[in-house]
N, C-alpha and C. Protein backbone atom coordinates (compact mmCIF):
# COMPACT_ATOMS: atom_id res chain seq x y z
N MET A 1 4.24 25.25 73.64
CA MET A 1 2.81 25.44 73.76
C MET A 1 2.25 24.34 74.64
N SER A 2 1.59 24.74 75.70
CA SER A 2 1.01 23.73 76.58
C SER A 2 -0.51 23.77 76.46
N LEU A 3 -1.09 22.61 76.46
CA LEU A 3 -2.54 22.50 76.34
C LEU A 3 -3.15 22.26 77.72
N SER A 4 -4.31 22.83 77.91
CA SER A 4 -5.01 22.59 79.17
C SER A 4 -5.67 21.21 79.11
N PRO A 5 -6.01 20.66 80.26
CA PRO A 5 -6.68 19.35 80.25
C PRO A 5 -7.99 19.38 79.46
N THR A 6 -8.70 20.49 79.52
CA THR A 6 -9.95 20.60 78.76
C THR A 6 -9.69 20.53 77.27
N GLN A 7 -8.65 21.19 76.80
CA GLN A 7 -8.32 21.15 75.38
C GLN A 7 -7.94 19.75 74.93
N VAL A 8 -7.23 19.03 75.78
CA VAL A 8 -6.84 17.65 75.45
C VAL A 8 -8.08 16.77 75.35
N VAL A 9 -8.99 16.89 76.31
CA VAL A 9 -10.21 16.07 76.28
C VAL A 9 -11.08 16.44 75.09
N ILE A 10 -11.16 17.73 74.76
CA ILE A 10 -11.94 18.14 73.59
C ILE A 10 -11.34 17.55 72.32
N ALA A 11 -10.01 17.57 72.19
CA ALA A 11 -9.36 17.00 71.01
C ALA A 11 -9.62 15.50 70.91
N LEU A 12 -9.49 14.79 72.03
CA LEU A 12 -9.77 13.34 72.03
C LEU A 12 -11.23 13.07 71.70
N TRP A 13 -12.12 13.87 72.29
CA TRP A 13 -13.55 13.71 72.01
C TRP A 13 -13.84 13.91 70.53
N ALA A 14 -13.24 14.94 69.93
CA ALA A 14 -13.46 15.22 68.51
C ALA A 14 -12.97 14.07 67.63
N ILE A 15 -11.83 13.51 67.96
CA ILE A 15 -11.29 12.39 67.18
C ILE A 15 -12.20 11.17 67.29
N VAL A 16 -12.59 10.83 68.51
CA VAL A 16 -13.43 9.65 68.72
C VAL A 16 -14.80 9.84 68.07
N THR A 17 -15.36 11.03 68.20
CA THR A 17 -16.67 11.29 67.61
C THR A 17 -16.61 11.25 66.09
N ALA A 18 -15.53 11.77 65.52
CA ALA A 18 -15.36 11.70 64.06
C ALA A 18 -15.27 10.25 63.60
N CYS A 19 -14.53 9.43 64.35
CA CYS A 19 -14.45 7.99 64.03
C CYS A 19 -15.83 7.35 64.09
N TYR A 20 -16.61 7.72 65.10
CA TYR A 20 -17.96 7.17 65.25
C TYR A 20 -18.83 7.53 64.05
N VAL A 21 -18.75 8.78 63.62
CA VAL A 21 -19.54 9.22 62.47
C VAL A 21 -19.12 8.47 61.22
N VAL A 22 -17.82 8.29 61.02
CA VAL A 22 -17.33 7.55 59.85
C VAL A 22 -17.82 6.11 59.87
N ILE A 23 -17.77 5.47 61.03
CA ILE A 23 -18.25 4.09 61.14
C ILE A 23 -19.74 4.02 60.82
N MET A 24 -20.52 4.96 61.33
CA MET A 24 -21.96 4.93 61.09
C MET A 24 -22.30 5.20 59.61
N VAL A 25 -21.56 6.10 58.97
CA VAL A 25 -21.78 6.34 57.54
C VAL A 25 -21.41 5.10 56.74
N PHE A 26 -20.29 4.48 57.08
CA PHE A 26 -19.87 3.27 56.37
C PHE A 26 -20.88 2.14 56.59
N ARG A 27 -21.41 2.02 57.82
CA ARG A 27 -22.42 1.00 58.09
C ARG A 27 -23.66 1.25 57.26
N SER A 28 -24.02 2.52 57.10
CA SER A 28 -25.18 2.86 56.29
C SER A 28 -24.97 2.47 54.83
N ILE A 29 -23.77 2.71 54.33
CA ILE A 29 -23.46 2.34 52.94
C ILE A 29 -23.49 0.83 52.77
N VAL A 30 -22.91 0.10 53.70
CA VAL A 30 -22.91 -1.36 53.62
C VAL A 30 -24.34 -1.89 53.76
N GLY A 31 -25.13 -1.26 54.64
CA GLY A 31 -26.49 -1.71 54.90
C GLY A 31 -27.44 -1.50 53.73
N GLN A 32 -27.08 -0.66 52.77
CA GLN A 32 -27.94 -0.47 51.61
C GLN A 32 -28.07 -1.74 50.78
N LYS A 33 -27.08 -2.61 50.88
CA LYS A 33 -27.09 -3.86 50.11
C LYS A 33 -27.84 -4.97 50.83
N GLU A 34 -28.27 -4.70 52.06
CA GLU A 34 -28.93 -5.74 52.85
C GLU A 34 -30.42 -5.79 52.50
N ASP A 35 -30.93 -6.99 52.34
CA ASP A 35 -32.35 -7.20 52.09
C ASP A 35 -33.00 -7.73 53.36
N ASP A 36 -34.22 -7.27 53.64
CA ASP A 36 -34.93 -7.75 54.82
C ASP A 36 -35.35 -9.20 54.67
N SER A 37 -35.83 -9.54 53.49
CA SER A 37 -36.20 -10.93 53.23
C SER A 37 -35.62 -11.32 51.88
N LEU A 38 -35.29 -12.57 51.79
CA LEU A 38 -34.61 -13.05 50.60
C LEU A 38 -35.25 -14.37 50.17
N PHE A 39 -35.81 -14.37 48.97
CA PHE A 39 -36.43 -15.57 48.42
C PHE A 39 -35.59 -16.02 47.24
N LEU A 40 -34.97 -17.15 47.42
CA LEU A 40 -34.01 -17.59 46.41
C LEU A 40 -34.45 -18.89 45.75
N SER A 41 -34.16 -18.96 44.47
CA SER A 41 -34.31 -20.23 43.78
C SER A 41 -32.96 -20.94 43.85
N ALA A 42 -32.91 -22.11 43.36
CA ALA A 42 -31.67 -22.89 43.42
C ALA A 42 -30.55 -22.21 42.64
N GLY A 43 -30.88 -21.48 41.60
CA GLY A 43 -29.86 -20.83 40.77
C GLY A 43 -29.32 -19.54 41.38
N GLU A 44 -29.95 -19.03 42.42
CA GLU A 44 -29.51 -17.76 43.01
C GLU A 44 -28.80 -17.95 44.36
N ALA A 45 -28.15 -19.06 44.52
CA ALA A 45 -27.49 -19.38 45.79
C ALA A 45 -26.36 -18.40 46.10
N ARG A 46 -25.73 -17.83 45.07
CA ARG A 46 -24.64 -16.89 45.33
C ARG A 46 -25.16 -15.61 45.97
N MET A 47 -26.41 -15.24 45.71
CA MET A 47 -27.00 -14.05 46.34
C MET A 47 -27.16 -14.27 47.84
N GLU A 48 -27.46 -15.51 48.21
CA GLU A 48 -27.56 -15.82 49.64
C GLU A 48 -26.21 -15.64 50.31
N ALA A 49 -25.15 -16.09 49.66
CA ALA A 49 -23.81 -15.92 50.22
C ALA A 49 -23.45 -14.45 50.34
N GLN A 50 -23.85 -13.62 49.37
CA GLN A 50 -23.60 -12.19 49.44
C GLN A 50 -24.33 -11.57 50.62
N GLN A 51 -25.57 -11.98 50.84
CA GLN A 51 -26.35 -11.44 51.95
C GLN A 51 -25.76 -11.85 53.30
N VAL A 52 -25.27 -13.08 53.38
CA VAL A 52 -24.62 -13.53 54.61
C VAL A 52 -23.36 -12.69 54.87
N ASN A 53 -22.61 -12.40 53.81
CA ASN A 53 -21.42 -11.58 53.94
C ASN A 53 -21.77 -10.16 54.40
N VAL A 54 -22.84 -9.59 53.84
CA VAL A 54 -23.28 -8.25 54.24
C VAL A 54 -23.68 -8.24 55.71
N VAL A 55 -24.40 -9.25 56.14
CA VAL A 55 -24.83 -9.32 57.54
C VAL A 55 -23.62 -9.44 58.47
N LYS A 56 -22.62 -10.22 58.08
CA LYS A 56 -21.40 -10.35 58.89
C LYS A 56 -20.69 -9.01 59.02
N ARG A 57 -20.59 -8.27 57.89
CA ARG A 57 -19.92 -6.96 57.93
C ARG A 57 -20.70 -5.99 58.82
N ILE A 58 -22.01 -5.99 58.71
CA ILE A 58 -22.82 -5.09 59.53
C ILE A 58 -22.69 -5.45 61.01
N THR A 59 -22.68 -6.73 61.31
CA THR A 59 -22.53 -7.16 62.71
C THR A 59 -21.18 -6.71 63.27
N LYS A 60 -20.13 -6.84 62.47
CA LYS A 60 -18.80 -6.41 62.91
C LYS A 60 -18.77 -4.89 63.10
N LEU A 61 -19.37 -4.15 62.17
CA LEU A 61 -19.42 -2.70 62.29
C LEU A 61 -20.24 -2.27 63.49
N ASP A 62 -21.31 -3.01 63.80
CA ASP A 62 -22.12 -2.69 64.97
C ASP A 62 -21.31 -2.83 66.25
N THR A 63 -20.47 -3.86 66.32
CA THR A 63 -19.61 -4.04 67.49
C THR A 63 -18.68 -2.84 67.66
N TYR A 64 -18.04 -2.44 66.56
CA TYR A 64 -17.15 -1.28 66.62
C TYR A 64 -17.91 -0.01 66.99
N SER A 65 -19.08 0.17 66.39
CA SER A 65 -19.84 1.39 66.65
C SER A 65 -20.30 1.46 68.11
N HIS A 66 -20.62 0.32 68.71
CA HIS A 66 -21.01 0.33 70.12
C HIS A 66 -19.85 0.76 71.01
N TRP A 67 -18.67 0.21 70.74
CA TRP A 67 -17.51 0.55 71.57
C TRP A 67 -17.08 2.00 71.36
N VAL A 68 -16.98 2.43 70.11
CA VAL A 68 -16.57 3.80 69.84
C VAL A 68 -17.62 4.79 70.34
N GLY A 69 -18.89 4.43 70.21
CA GLY A 69 -19.96 5.28 70.74
C GLY A 69 -19.90 5.40 72.25
N ALA A 70 -19.57 4.31 72.92
CA ALA A 70 -19.46 4.34 74.38
C ALA A 70 -18.29 5.23 74.82
N VAL A 71 -17.18 5.16 74.08
CA VAL A 71 -16.03 6.01 74.40
C VAL A 71 -16.39 7.48 74.15
N ALA A 72 -17.08 7.76 73.05
CA ALA A 72 -17.49 9.14 72.76
C ALA A 72 -18.43 9.66 73.84
N LEU A 73 -19.35 8.82 74.28
CA LEU A 73 -20.27 9.22 75.35
C LEU A 73 -19.51 9.47 76.65
N THR A 74 -18.52 8.64 76.93
CA THR A 74 -17.70 8.83 78.13
C THR A 74 -16.97 10.17 78.09
N PHE A 75 -16.38 10.49 76.94
CA PHE A 75 -15.71 11.78 76.81
C PHE A 75 -16.71 12.94 76.94
N THR A 76 -17.92 12.76 76.44
CA THR A 76 -18.94 13.79 76.57
C THR A 76 -19.28 14.02 78.04
N VAL A 77 -19.44 12.96 78.79
CA VAL A 77 -19.74 13.08 80.22
C VAL A 77 -18.57 13.74 80.96
N ILE A 78 -17.35 13.36 80.61
CA ILE A 78 -16.17 13.98 81.22
C ILE A 78 -16.13 15.47 80.93
N LEU A 79 -16.38 15.83 79.66
CA LEU A 79 -16.39 17.25 79.31
C LEU A 79 -17.47 18.01 80.06
N ALA A 80 -18.65 17.42 80.18
CA ALA A 80 -19.73 18.07 80.92
C ALA A 80 -19.33 18.26 82.38
N GLY A 81 -18.71 17.26 82.97
CA GLY A 81 -18.25 17.37 84.35
C GLY A 81 -17.19 18.44 84.51
N MET A 82 -16.26 18.52 83.56
CA MET A 82 -15.23 19.55 83.61
C MET A 82 -15.85 20.94 83.48
N TRP A 83 -16.84 21.08 82.62
CA TRP A 83 -17.50 22.37 82.44
C TRP A 83 -18.26 22.77 83.71
N ILE A 84 -19.00 21.83 84.28
CA ILE A 84 -19.75 22.13 85.52
C ILE A 84 -18.78 22.51 86.63
N TYR A 85 -17.68 21.79 86.74
CA TYR A 85 -16.69 22.10 87.77
C TYR A 85 -16.12 23.51 87.58
N SER A 86 -15.82 23.88 86.33
CA SER A 86 -15.26 25.21 86.09
C SER A 86 -16.28 26.31 86.38
N VAL A 87 -17.54 26.07 86.08
CA VAL A 87 -18.58 27.05 86.39
C VAL A 87 -18.73 27.20 87.90
N LEU A 88 -18.77 26.08 88.60
CA LEU A 88 -18.88 26.14 90.05
C LEU A 88 -17.67 26.81 90.70
N ARG A 89 -16.49 26.57 90.13
CA ARG A 89 -15.29 27.20 90.65
C ARG A 89 -15.30 28.72 90.41
N ASN A 90 -15.80 29.12 89.23
CA ASN A 90 -15.88 30.56 88.93
C ASN A 90 -16.93 31.27 89.79
N LEU A 91 -17.94 30.55 90.22
CA LEU A 91 -18.95 31.10 91.12
C LEU A 91 -18.54 30.99 92.57
N HIS A 92 -17.34 30.48 92.82
CA HIS A 92 -16.79 30.31 94.17
C HIS A 92 -17.65 29.39 95.03
N ILE A 93 -18.23 28.40 94.40
CA ILE A 93 -19.02 27.42 95.14
C ILE A 93 -18.12 26.24 95.53
N VAL A 94 -17.15 25.93 94.72
CA VAL A 94 -16.24 24.83 95.00
C VAL A 94 -14.92 25.37 95.44
């Protein structure tokens, strides 16, 4: 069974996009524990450490989401270009 280049790009796009969605859902779950402002007394210092940890995880997830999102966007542009090329070829313009 041989796959066409379009099928290969669609499969790669689907995998990358699924990874992007998983990262964004996980970021959303992690972000639920994040507080916008934190007022701590001396006895609640461990909560500050938890918030710092949450911010670090979100920052790391944001880095991954930017890269995976850029790859997904690149595959989307490639697929659009392949589709436009095939339409133009079928219309005998190219």
